[in-house]
Amino acid sequence: PHQAPLVGSPDARNIVYLLFDYKCPHCQQIHLMLNEVVRRFDGTVAFALCPSPLDRTCNPYIAADAEAYKDSCELTKIALAVWFIDQDQFPAFESWMFSFESGDRWLPRSLNDAKSKAIELIGSEAFAAALNDPRVEQYLQTSVQIYGRTVQNGKGGVPRMVLGNRWVVPQPYDTDDLVSILKESLLVETN
């Protein structure tokens, strides 16, 4: 857990692996709930962020490419580059990736916008070096392998939460609903 981007404490009793795609609307909704879920479980839950792009370019478990997820692999690499080079800047980047620019409808960030934001946060030289860091590809492949282990009958999907050998693809209406899903499907206990 100390080697992964986390929402919550690395010392939490329950580290839930959150598989997601930076272009997925349900993933965006879940991300907005994570800090509140950690608070409601009094810090006994943390989320290890495991981007698992729904793009065959880097995820062989995806049956067919969808235009909606084009560039997901590259967006993931940009985010992981920020995390590996400056973990203090990563939460700002992650939050920006899932924030609303304007209006009432969230739209995924473009590759150019994501690169610009990364450079703004960590600098162009650091960003260029981080993109070539082998840990970026290694982390991405580890996340994809977790995704692959939880695909059933060729059906995958994100967001996906994994704890031990249990997993769920939650579609909560709100934070209360997500807390219930964690308790019922993943057997996360409160204190």
N, C-alpha and C. Protein backbone atom coordinates (compact mmCIF):
# COMPACT_ATOMS: atom_id res chain seq x y z
N PRO A 1 0.80 -1.21 0.00
CA PRO A 1 0.00 0.00 0.00
C PRO A 1 0.84 1.28 0.00
N HIS A 2 2.05 1.25 0.60
CA HIS A 2 2.89 2.45 0.61
C HIS A 2 3.42 2.75 -0.78
N GLN A 3 3.32 1.79 -1.69
CA GLN A 3 3.84 1.97 -3.05
C GLN A 3 2.73 2.31 -4.03
N ALA A 4 1.58 2.72 -3.53
CA ALA A 4 0.44 3.02 -4.40
C ALA A 4 -0.13 4.38 -4.04
N PRO A 5 -0.70 5.08 -5.03
CA PRO A 5 -1.43 6.30 -4.69
C PRO A 5 -2.64 5.92 -3.85
N LEU A 6 -2.82 6.61 -2.73
CA LEU A 6 -3.88 6.25 -1.79
C LEU A 6 -4.80 7.43 -1.50
N VAL A 7 -6.05 7.10 -1.22
CA VAL A 7 -6.97 8.03 -0.57
C VAL A 7 -7.19 7.40 0.79
N GLY A 8 -6.71 8.06 1.84
CA GLY A 8 -6.77 7.50 3.18
C GLY A 8 -5.37 7.16 3.65
N SER A 9 -5.30 6.54 4.81
CA SER A 9 -4.01 6.23 5.44
C SER A 9 -3.43 4.91 4.94
N PRO A 10 -2.11 4.89 4.73
CA PRO A 10 -1.48 3.62 4.35
C PRO A 10 -1.55 2.60 5.48
N ASP A 11 -1.88 3.05 6.68
CA ASP A 11 -1.97 2.15 7.83
C ASP A 11 -3.40 1.66 8.09
N ALA A 12 -4.33 2.00 7.21
CA ALA A 12 -5.73 1.57 7.38
C ALA A 12 -5.81 0.04 7.38
N ARG A 13 -6.72 -0.48 8.19
CA ARG A 13 -6.89 -1.94 8.30
C ARG A 13 -7.36 -2.55 6.98
N ASN A 14 -8.19 -1.84 6.25
CA ASN A 14 -8.74 -2.33 4.98
C ASN A 14 -8.27 -1.46 3.84
N ILE A 15 -7.41 -1.99 2.99
CA ILE A 15 -6.97 -1.27 1.79
C ILE A 15 -7.78 -1.85 0.63
N VAL A 16 -8.71 -1.06 0.12
CA VAL A 16 -9.56 -1.46 -0.99
C VAL A 16 -8.91 -0.99 -2.28
N TYR A 17 -8.71 -1.90 -3.21
CA TYR A 17 -8.15 -1.53 -4.51
C TYR A 17 -9.27 -0.99 -5.38
N LEU A 18 -9.12 0.24 -5.83
CA LEU A 18 -10.12 0.86 -6.69
C LEU A 18 -9.60 0.87 -8.12
N LEU A 19 -10.22 0.07 -8.97
CA LEU A 19 -9.88 0.02 -10.39
C LEU A 19 -10.80 0.98 -11.11
N PHE A 20 -10.22 1.82 -11.96
CA PHE A 20 -11.01 2.86 -12.61
C PHE A 20 -10.35 3.30 -13.91
N ASP A 21 -11.08 4.09 -14.66
CA ASP A 21 -10.59 4.67 -15.91
C ASP A 21 -10.81 6.18 -15.82
N TYR A 22 -9.83 6.95 -16.25
CA TYR A 22 -9.93 8.41 -16.17
C TYR A 22 -10.99 9.00 -17.11
N LYS A 23 -11.60 8.18 -17.95
CA LYS A 23 -12.63 8.69 -18.85
C LYS A 23 -14.02 8.15 -18.51
N CYS A 24 -14.14 7.48 -17.38
CA CYS A 24 -15.37 6.81 -16.98
C CYS A 24 -16.22 7.69 -16.06
N PRO A 25 -17.46 8.02 -16.46
CA PRO A 25 -18.32 8.87 -15.64
C PRO A 25 -18.65 8.27 -14.27
N HIS A 26 -18.89 6.96 -14.20
CA HIS A 26 -19.18 6.34 -12.89
C HIS A 26 -17.95 6.42 -11.99
N CYS A 27 -16.77 6.32 -12.57
CA CYS A 27 -15.52 6.43 -11.80
C CYS A 27 -15.39 7.85 -11.23
N GLN A 28 -15.77 8.83 -12.03
CA GLN A 28 -15.72 10.22 -11.58
C GLN A 28 -16.63 10.40 -10.37
N GLN A 29 -17.83 9.84 -10.42
CA GLN A 29 -18.77 9.98 -9.30
C GLN A 29 -18.21 9.32 -8.04
N ILE A 30 -17.62 8.15 -8.19
CA ILE A 30 -17.04 7.43 -7.04
C ILE A 30 -15.90 8.25 -6.43
N HIS A 31 -15.03 8.81 -7.27
CA HIS A 31 -13.89 9.58 -6.75
C HIS A 31 -14.36 10.72 -5.85
N LEU A 32 -15.49 11.33 -6.18
CA LEU A 32 -15.99 12.44 -5.37
C LEU A 32 -16.46 11.97 -3.99
N MET A 33 -16.65 10.67 -3.80
CA MET A 33 -17.14 10.12 -2.53
C MET A 33 -16.04 9.56 -1.63
N LEU A 34 -14.85 9.34 -2.16
CA LEU A 34 -13.83 8.56 -1.45
C LEU A 34 -13.42 9.16 -0.11
N ASN A 35 -13.13 10.45 -0.06
CA ASN A 35 -12.69 11.05 1.20
C ASN A 35 -13.76 10.94 2.28
N GLU A 36 -15.01 11.12 1.90
CA GLU A 36 -16.10 11.01 2.86
C GLU A 36 -16.25 9.57 3.34
N VAL A 37 -16.07 8.60 2.47
CA VAL A 37 -16.14 7.18 2.87
C VAL A 37 -15.03 6.88 3.88
N VAL A 38 -13.82 7.34 3.61
CA VAL A 38 -12.70 7.14 4.55
C VAL A 38 -13.06 7.72 5.91
N ARG A 39 -13.63 8.93 5.91
CA ARG A 39 -14.02 9.58 7.16
C ARG A 39 -15.09 8.76 7.90
N ARG A 40 -16.06 8.26 7.17
CA ARG A 40 -17.15 7.51 7.81
C ARG A 40 -16.68 6.20 8.42
N PHE A 41 -15.62 5.64 7.87
CA PHE A 41 -15.06 4.41 8.44
C PHE A 41 -13.95 4.73 9.45
N ASP A 42 -13.89 5.97 9.90
CA ASP A 42 -12.89 6.41 10.89
C ASP A 42 -11.47 6.02 10.53
N GLY A 43 -11.14 6.10 9.25
CA GLY A 43 -9.77 5.83 8.82
C GLY A 43 -9.39 4.37 8.77
N THR A 44 -10.35 3.46 8.99
CA THR A 44 -10.01 2.03 8.92
C THR A 44 -10.04 1.53 7.47
N VAL A 45 -10.49 2.40 6.55
CA VAL A 45 -10.53 2.07 5.13
C VAL A 45 -9.69 3.08 4.36
N ALA A 46 -8.94 2.59 3.40
CA ALA A 46 -8.24 3.46 2.45
C ALA A 46 -8.44 2.85 1.06
N PHE A 47 -8.27 3.68 0.06
CA PHE A 47 -8.43 3.22 -1.32
C PHE A 47 -7.10 3.35 -2.05
N ALA A 48 -6.58 2.21 -2.53
CA ALA A 48 -5.39 2.22 -3.38
C ALA A 48 -5.89 2.44 -4.80
N LEU A 49 -5.42 3.51 -5.42
CA LEU A 49 -5.89 3.87 -6.76
C LEU A 49 -5.14 3.06 -7.81
N CYS A 50 -5.88 2.26 -8.54
CA CYS A 50 -5.31 1.35 -9.55
C CYS A 50 -5.96 1.62 -10.90
N PRO A 51 -5.46 2.63 -11.62
CA PRO A 51 -6.06 2.91 -12.92
C PRO A 51 -5.96 1.71 -13.85
N SER A 52 -7.10 1.33 -14.41
CA SER A 52 -7.19 0.16 -15.29
C SER A 52 -7.94 0.58 -16.55
N PRO A 53 -7.24 1.16 -17.51
CA PRO A 53 -7.90 1.73 -18.68
C PRO A 53 -8.73 0.71 -19.45
N LEU A 54 -9.89 1.16 -19.90
CA LEU A 54 -10.76 0.33 -20.73
C LEU A 54 -10.36 0.51 -22.20
N ASP A 55 -9.08 0.30 -22.45
CA ASP A 55 -8.48 0.56 -23.75
C ASP A 55 -7.53 -0.60 -24.05
N ARG A 56 -7.76 -1.29 -25.15
CA ARG A 56 -6.94 -2.46 -25.50
C ARG A 56 -5.47 -2.12 -25.74
N THR A 57 -5.15 -0.87 -25.95
CA THR A 57 -3.76 -0.47 -26.17
C THR A 57 -2.88 -0.95 -25.02
N CYS A 58 -3.42 -0.92 -23.79
CA CYS A 58 -2.63 -1.35 -22.63
C CYS A 58 -3.35 -2.36 -21.76
N ASN A 59 -4.60 -2.68 -22.09
CA ASN A 59 -5.36 -3.63 -21.28
C ASN A 59 -5.90 -4.76 -22.17
N PRO A 60 -5.20 -5.90 -22.18
CA PRO A 60 -5.60 -7.00 -23.06
C PRO A 60 -6.91 -7.66 -22.66
N TYR A 61 -7.43 -7.33 -21.47
CA TYR A 61 -8.68 -7.94 -21.01
C TYR A 61 -9.91 -7.24 -21.57
N ILE A 62 -9.71 -6.18 -22.31
CA ILE A 62 -10.82 -5.45 -22.92
C ILE A 62 -11.16 -6.13 -24.25
N ALA A 63 -12.41 -6.55 -24.40
CA ALA A 63 -12.82 -7.32 -25.58
C ALA A 63 -12.77 -6.48 -26.86
N ALA A 64 -13.20 -5.24 -26.78
CA ALA A 64 -13.22 -4.39 -27.97
C ALA A 64 -13.01 -2.94 -27.55
N ASP A 65 -12.29 -2.22 -28.37
CA ASP A 65 -12.06 -0.81 -28.07
C ASP A 65 -13.35 -0.01 -28.24
N ALA A 66 -13.50 1.00 -27.42
CA ALA A 66 -14.62 1.93 -27.54
C ALA A 66 -14.03 3.33 -27.68
N GLU A 67 -14.58 4.10 -28.57
CA GLU A 67 -14.09 5.46 -28.81
C GLU A 67 -14.05 6.28 -27.51
N ALA A 68 -15.02 6.03 -26.63
CA ALA A 68 -15.10 6.78 -25.38
C ALA A 68 -13.85 6.63 -24.52
N TYR A 69 -13.12 5.52 -24.69
CA TYR A 69 -11.95 5.27 -23.84
C TYR A 69 -10.63 5.42 -24.58
N LYS A 70 -10.68 5.98 -25.78
CA LYS A 70 -9.46 6.27 -26.54
C LYS A 70 -8.59 7.21 -25.70
N ASP A 71 -7.32 6.96 -25.66
CA ASP A 71 -6.34 7.75 -24.90
C ASP A 71 -6.34 7.46 -23.39
N SER A 72 -7.15 6.51 -22.94
CA SER A 72 -7.17 6.20 -21.50
C SER A 72 -5.80 5.73 -21.00
N CYS A 73 -5.10 4.96 -21.82
CA CYS A 73 -3.78 4.47 -21.40
C CYS A 73 -2.83 5.64 -21.19
N GLU A 74 -2.84 6.59 -22.10
CA GLU A 74 -1.94 7.74 -21.99
C GLU A 74 -2.31 8.64 -20.82
N LEU A 75 -3.61 8.83 -20.58
CA LEU A 75 -4.03 9.63 -19.42
C LEU A 75 -3.55 8.97 -18.13
N THR A 76 -3.64 7.65 -18.08
CA THR A 76 -3.17 6.92 -16.90
C THR A 76 -1.67 7.11 -16.70
N LYS A 77 -0.91 7.02 -17.76
CA LYS A 77 0.54 7.20 -17.65
C LYS A 77 0.90 8.61 -17.18
N ILE A 78 0.16 9.60 -17.64
CA ILE A 78 0.40 10.98 -17.19
C ILE A 78 0.15 11.08 -15.68
N ALA A 79 -0.97 10.52 -15.22
CA ALA A 79 -1.30 10.57 -13.79
C ALA A 79 -0.24 9.83 -12.97
N LEU A 80 0.15 8.65 -13.41
CA LEU A 80 1.15 7.89 -12.66
C LEU A 80 2.51 8.59 -12.67
N ALA A 81 2.83 9.26 -13.76
CA ALA A 81 4.09 10.03 -13.82
C ALA A 81 4.08 11.10 -12.74
N VAL A 82 2.95 11.80 -12.58
CA VAL A 82 2.84 12.82 -11.53
C VAL A 82 3.05 12.16 -10.18
N TRP A 83 2.40 11.02 -9.94
CA TRP A 83 2.52 10.36 -8.64
C TRP A 83 3.95 9.92 -8.35
N PHE A 84 4.60 9.31 -9.31
CA PHE A 84 5.95 8.81 -9.07
C PHE A 84 6.96 9.93 -8.86
N ILE A 85 6.75 11.09 -9.48
CA ILE A 85 7.74 12.17 -9.36
C ILE A 85 7.45 13.06 -8.15
N ASP A 86 6.17 13.23 -7.79
CA ASP A 86 5.84 14.15 -6.68
C ASP A 86 4.50 13.74 -6.06
N GLN A 87 4.58 12.87 -5.06
CA GLN A 87 3.37 12.35 -4.44
C GLN A 87 2.54 13.44 -3.77
N ASP A 88 3.19 14.53 -3.37
CA ASP A 88 2.45 15.64 -2.76
C ASP A 88 1.56 16.36 -3.76
N GLN A 89 1.95 16.36 -5.03
CA GLN A 89 1.16 17.03 -6.07
C GLN A 89 0.07 16.12 -6.65
N PHE A 90 0.20 14.83 -6.42
CA PHE A 90 -0.75 13.89 -7.04
C PHE A 90 -2.21 14.15 -6.65
N PRO A 91 -2.53 14.38 -5.37
CA PRO A 91 -3.95 14.61 -5.05
C PRO A 91 -4.55 15.78 -5.82
N ALA A 92 -3.78 16.84 -6.02
CA ALA A 92 -4.29 17.99 -6.79
C ALA A 92 -4.55 17.57 -8.24
N PHE A 93 -3.65 16.78 -8.80
CA PHE A 93 -3.83 16.32 -10.17
C PHE A 93 -5.05 15.40 -10.27
N GLU A 94 -5.15 14.45 -9.36
CA GLU A 94 -6.26 13.49 -9.37
C GLU A 94 -7.60 14.21 -9.22
N SER A 95 -7.64 15.15 -8.30
CA SER A 95 -8.86 15.92 -8.09
C SER A 95 -9.24 16.70 -9.35
N TRP A 96 -8.25 17.31 -9.98
CA TRP A 96 -8.48 18.07 -11.22
C TRP A 96 -8.99 17.15 -12.33
N MET A 97 -8.45 15.94 -12.43
CA MET A 97 -8.87 15.01 -13.48
C MET A 97 -10.37 14.70 -13.40
N PHE A 98 -10.91 14.71 -12.18
CA PHE A 98 -12.31 14.34 -12.00
C PHE A 98 -13.22 15.52 -11.64
N SER A 99 -12.69 16.74 -11.72
CA SER A 99 -13.51 17.90 -11.37
C SER A 99 -14.30 18.40 -12.57
N PHE A 100 -15.32 19.18 -12.28
CA PHE A 100 -16.14 19.80 -13.32
C PHE A 100 -15.45 21.08 -13.78
N GLU A 101 -15.31 21.25 -15.08
CA GLU A 101 -14.74 22.50 -15.62
C GLU A 101 -15.81 23.58 -15.58
N SER A 102 -16.98 23.24 -16.07
CA SER A 102 -18.08 24.20 -16.10
C SER A 102 -19.37 23.44 -16.36
N GLY A 103 -20.46 24.10 -16.06
CA GLY A 103 -21.74 23.46 -16.32
C GLY A 103 -22.04 22.35 -15.33
N ASP A 104 -22.98 21.50 -15.69
CA ASP A 104 -23.42 20.46 -14.76
C ASP A 104 -23.06 19.06 -15.23
N ARG A 105 -22.24 18.97 -16.27
CA ARG A 105 -21.90 17.65 -16.81
C ARG A 105 -20.38 17.50 -16.86
N TRP A 106 -19.89 16.44 -16.25
CA TRP A 106 -18.45 16.19 -16.24
C TRP A 106 -18.02 15.65 -17.60
N LEU A 107 -16.88 16.15 -18.08
CA LEU A 107 -16.29 15.62 -19.30
C LEU A 107 -14.85 15.22 -19.00
N PRO A 108 -14.40 14.08 -19.53
CA PRO A 108 -13.01 13.66 -19.28
C PRO A 108 -12.03 14.69 -19.83
N ARG A 109 -10.87 14.74 -19.20
CA ARG A 109 -9.82 15.66 -19.64
C ARG A 109 -9.18 15.14 -20.92
N SER A 110 -8.73 16.07 -21.74
CA SER A 110 -8.03 15.70 -22.96
C SER A 110 -6.57 15.40 -22.62
N LEU A 111 -5.90 14.70 -23.52
CA LEU A 111 -4.47 14.41 -23.33
C LEU A 111 -3.67 15.70 -23.19
N ASN A 112 -3.91 16.66 -24.06
CA ASN A 112 -3.15 17.92 -24.00
C ASN A 112 -3.39 18.66 -22.70
N ASP A 113 -4.64 18.71 -22.25
CA ASP A 113 -4.93 19.38 -20.98
C ASP A 113 -4.27 18.66 -19.81
N ALA A 114 -4.30 17.33 -19.83
CA ALA A 114 -3.69 16.56 -18.74
C ALA A 114 -2.17 16.77 -18.72
N LYS A 115 -1.54 16.78 -19.88
CA LYS A 115 -0.09 17.05 -19.93
C LYS A 115 0.21 18.44 -19.41
N SER A 116 -0.58 19.43 -19.81
CA SER A 116 -0.36 20.80 -19.36
C SER A 116 -0.49 20.91 -17.85
N LYS A 117 -1.50 20.26 -17.29
CA LYS A 117 -1.70 20.30 -15.83
C LYS A 117 -0.54 19.61 -15.12
N ALA A 118 -0.09 18.48 -15.63
CA ALA A 118 1.04 17.77 -15.03
C ALA A 118 2.28 18.67 -15.03
N ILE A 119 2.54 19.32 -16.15
CA ILE A 119 3.71 20.20 -16.25
C ILE A 119 3.57 21.39 -15.30
N GLU A 120 2.36 21.92 -15.19
CA GLU A 120 2.12 23.02 -14.25
C GLU A 120 2.46 22.60 -12.82
N LEU A 121 2.12 21.37 -12.46
CA LEU A 121 2.31 20.89 -11.08
C LEU A 121 3.74 20.43 -10.79
N ILE A 122 4.40 19.78 -11.75
CA ILE A 122 5.71 19.19 -11.43
C ILE A 122 6.85 19.71 -12.31
N GLY A 123 6.54 20.52 -13.31
CA GLY A 123 7.59 21.05 -14.18
C GLY A 123 7.81 20.16 -15.39
N SER A 124 8.24 20.76 -16.49
CA SER A 124 8.35 20.01 -17.75
C SER A 124 9.47 18.98 -17.73
N GLU A 125 10.62 19.31 -17.14
CA GLU A 125 11.72 18.34 -17.12
C GLU A 125 11.37 17.13 -16.26
N ALA A 126 10.82 17.40 -15.08
CA ALA A 126 10.43 16.30 -14.19
C ALA A 126 9.36 15.44 -14.84
N PHE A 127 8.41 16.08 -15.51
CA PHE A 127 7.34 15.33 -16.17
C PHE A 127 7.90 14.44 -17.28
N ALA A 128 8.78 14.98 -18.09
CA ALA A 128 9.37 14.20 -19.19
C ALA A 128 10.13 12.99 -18.64
N ALA A 129 10.89 13.22 -17.56
CA ALA A 129 11.65 12.12 -16.95
C ALA A 129 10.69 11.08 -16.36
N ALA A 130 9.65 11.55 -15.69
CA ALA A 130 8.71 10.64 -15.03
C ALA A 130 7.95 9.78 -16.04
N LEU A 131 7.61 10.35 -17.18
CA LEU A 131 6.89 9.57 -18.20
C LEU A 131 7.70 8.38 -18.68
N ASN A 132 9.02 8.51 -18.62
CA ASN A 132 9.91 7.43 -19.06
C ASN A 132 10.34 6.51 -17.92
N ASP A 133 9.87 6.79 -16.71
CA ASP A 133 10.21 5.96 -15.55
C ASP A 133 9.55 4.59 -15.72
N PRO A 134 10.31 3.50 -15.67
CA PRO A 134 9.72 2.17 -15.86
C PRO A 134 8.65 1.82 -14.83
N ARG A 135 8.67 2.49 -13.67
CA ARG A 135 7.66 2.21 -12.64
C ARG A 135 6.25 2.57 -13.12
N VAL A 136 6.16 3.56 -14.01
CA VAL A 136 4.84 3.95 -14.54
C VAL A 136 4.21 2.76 -15.26
N GLU A 137 4.94 2.17 -16.17
CA GLU A 137 4.42 1.02 -16.93
C GLU A 137 4.20 -0.18 -16.01
N GLN A 138 5.11 -0.40 -15.05
CA GLN A 138 4.97 -1.52 -14.13
C GLN A 138 3.69 -1.39 -13.30
N TYR A 139 3.44 -0.18 -12.78
CA TYR A 139 2.25 0.03 -11.96
C TYR A 139 0.99 -0.16 -12.80
N LEU A 140 1.01 0.39 -14.00
CA LEU A 140 -0.13 0.24 -14.91
C LEU A 140 -0.41 -1.24 -15.16
N GLN A 141 0.63 -2.02 -15.44
CA GLN A 141 0.44 -3.45 -15.73
C GLN A 141 -0.03 -4.22 -14.50
N THR A 142 0.43 -3.83 -13.31
CA THR A 142 -0.06 -4.46 -12.08
C THR A 142 -1.55 -4.21 -11.91
N SER A 143 -1.98 -2.97 -12.15
CA SER A 143 -3.41 -2.64 -12.05
C SER A 143 -4.22 -3.42 -13.07
N VAL A 144 -3.71 -3.53 -14.28
CA VAL A 144 -4.40 -4.27 -15.34
C VAL A 144 -4.50 -5.75 -14.97
N GLN A 145 -3.46 -6.30 -14.33
CA GLN A 145 -3.51 -7.71 -13.91
C GLN A 145 -4.59 -7.92 -12.85
N ILE A 146 -4.73 -6.98 -11.92
CA ILE A 146 -5.80 -7.08 -10.91
C ILE A 146 -7.15 -7.06 -11.63
N TYR A 147 -7.28 -6.17 -12.59
CA TYR A 147 -8.50 -6.10 -13.40
C TYR A 147 -8.76 -7.46 -14.06
N GLY A 148 -7.74 -8.02 -14.68
CA GLY A 148 -7.87 -9.29 -15.38
C GLY A 148 -8.30 -10.43 -14.48
N ARG A 149 -7.83 -10.43 -13.23
CA ARG A 149 -8.20 -11.50 -12.28
C ARG A 149 -9.66 -11.42 -11.87
N THR A 150 -10.29 -10.26 -12.08
CA THR A 150 -11.67 -10.10 -11.63
C THR A 150 -12.66 -10.02 -12.79
N VAL A 151 -12.20 -10.31 -14.00
CA VAL A 151 -13.11 -10.38 -15.15
C VAL A 151 -13.79 -11.74 -15.13
N GLN A 152 -15.10 -11.77 -15.26
CA GLN A 152 -15.82 -13.04 -15.28
C GLN A 152 -16.59 -13.17 -16.58
N ASN A 153 -16.44 -14.30 -17.23
CA ASN A 153 -17.15 -14.58 -18.49
C ASN A 153 -16.94 -13.47 -19.51
N GLY A 154 -15.73 -12.93 -19.52
CA GLY A 154 -15.40 -11.88 -20.48
C GLY A 154 -16.00 -10.53 -20.15
N LYS A 155 -16.68 -10.44 -19.00
CA LYS A 155 -17.31 -9.18 -18.63
C LYS A 155 -16.46 -8.46 -17.60
N GLY A 156 -16.08 -7.26 -17.94
CA GLY A 156 -15.35 -6.41 -17.02
C GLY A 156 -16.13 -5.13 -16.85
N GLY A 157 -15.59 -4.24 -16.12
CA GLY A 157 -16.23 -2.95 -15.94
C GLY A 157 -15.55 -2.22 -14.81
N VAL A 158 -15.64 -0.93 -14.84
CA VAL A 158 -15.12 -0.09 -13.78
C VAL A 158 -16.17 0.98 -13.49
N PRO A 159 -16.16 1.53 -12.30
CA PRO A 159 -15.22 1.30 -11.22
C PRO A 159 -15.42 -0.09 -10.62
N ARG A 160 -14.34 -0.63 -10.11
CA ARG A 160 -14.35 -1.94 -9.49
C ARG A 160 -13.56 -1.83 -8.19
N MET A 161 -14.12 -2.37 -7.12
CA MET A 161 -13.44 -2.35 -5.83
C MET A 161 -13.11 -3.78 -5.44
N VAL A 162 -11.86 -3.97 -5.01
CA VAL A 162 -11.36 -5.30 -4.67
C VAL A 162 -10.79 -5.27 -3.26
N LEU A 163 -11.21 -6.22 -2.45
CA LEU A 163 -10.66 -6.39 -1.10
C LEU A 163 -10.48 -7.88 -0.88
N GLY A 164 -9.22 -8.31 -0.74
CA GLY A 164 -8.95 -9.74 -0.61
C GLY A 164 -9.41 -10.45 -1.87
N ASN A 165 -10.22 -11.50 -1.70
CA ASN A 165 -10.71 -12.23 -2.88
C ASN A 165 -12.13 -11.83 -3.25
N ARG A 166 -12.63 -10.75 -2.67
CA ARG A 166 -13.97 -10.25 -2.98
C ARG A 166 -13.86 -9.00 -3.84
N TRP A 167 -14.81 -8.83 -4.74
CA TRP A 167 -14.83 -7.61 -5.54
C TRP A 167 -16.25 -7.26 -5.95
N VAL A 168 -16.44 -6.00 -6.29
CA VAL A 168 -17.76 -5.51 -6.67
C VAL A 168 -17.58 -4.37 -7.67
N VAL A 169 -18.53 -4.23 -8.57
CA VAL A 169 -18.58 -3.08 -9.48
C VAL A 169 -19.73 -2.21 -8.97
N PRO A 170 -19.40 -1.27 -8.07
CA PRO A 170 -20.46 -0.50 -7.42
C PRO A 170 -21.00 0.60 -8.34
N GLN A 171 -22.28 0.87 -8.21
CA GLN A 171 -22.89 2.02 -8.87
C GLN A 171 -23.76 2.72 -7.84
N PRO A 172 -23.09 3.34 -6.86
CA PRO A 172 -23.83 3.95 -5.76
C PRO A 172 -24.53 5.24 -6.17
N TYR A 173 -25.66 5.50 -5.52
CA TYR A 173 -26.38 6.75 -5.75
C TYR A 173 -25.71 7.89 -4.99
N ASP A 174 -25.15 7.55 -3.83
CA ASP A 174 -24.53 8.56 -2.99
C ASP A 174 -23.55 7.88 -2.03
N THR A 175 -22.96 8.67 -1.14
CA THR A 175 -21.95 8.13 -0.22
C THR A 175 -22.55 7.09 0.72
N ASP A 176 -23.78 7.32 1.22
CA ASP A 176 -24.42 6.33 2.09
C ASP A 176 -24.52 4.98 1.38
N ASP A 177 -24.89 5.03 0.14
CA ASP A 177 -25.03 3.82 -0.67
C ASP A 177 -23.68 3.12 -0.83
N LEU A 178 -22.62 3.90 -1.06
CA LEU A 178 -21.29 3.31 -1.23
C LEU A 178 -20.81 2.67 0.07
N VAL A 179 -21.07 3.31 1.20
CA VAL A 179 -20.71 2.72 2.50
C VAL A 179 -21.43 1.38 2.67
N SER A 180 -22.71 1.32 2.33
CA SER A 180 -23.47 0.06 2.43
C SER A 180 -22.90 -1.01 1.51
N ILE A 181 -22.55 -0.62 0.30
CA ILE A 181 -21.97 -1.58 -0.66
C ILE A 181 -20.66 -2.16 -0.11
N LEU A 182 -19.82 -1.30 0.47
CA LEU A 182 -18.55 -1.78 1.03
C LEU A 182 -18.80 -2.76 2.17
N LYS A 183 -19.77 -2.47 3.02
CA LYS A 183 -20.08 -3.36 4.15
C LYS A 183 -20.67 -4.68 3.67
N GLU A 184 -21.60 -4.62 2.72
CA GLU A 184 -22.32 -5.82 2.31
C GLU A 184 -21.56 -6.67 1.30
N SER A 185 -20.92 -6.04 0.33
CA SER A 185 -20.27 -6.80 -0.74
C SER A 185 -18.82 -7.15 -0.43
N LEU A 186 -18.11 -6.24 0.23
CA LEU A 186 -16.70 -6.51 0.53
C LEU A 186 -16.47 -6.87 1.99
N LEU A 187 -17.55 -6.84 2.78
CA LEU A 187 -17.50 -7.19 4.20
C LEU A 187 -16.54 -6.30 4.99
N VAL A 188 -16.48 -5.03 4.61
CA VAL A 188 -15.68 -4.06 5.36
C VAL A 188 -16.43 -3.78 6.66
N GLU A 189 -15.69 -3.86 7.76
CA GLU A 189 -16.31 -3.64 9.07
C GLU A 189 -15.98 -2.25 9.57
N THR A 190 -16.93 -1.69 10.30
CA THR A 190 -16.62 -0.45 11.01
C THR A 190 -15.91 -0.85 12.29
N ASN A 191 -15.34 0.13 12.97
CA ASN A 191 -14.55 -0.18 14.18
C ASN A 191 -15.18 -1.29 14.93
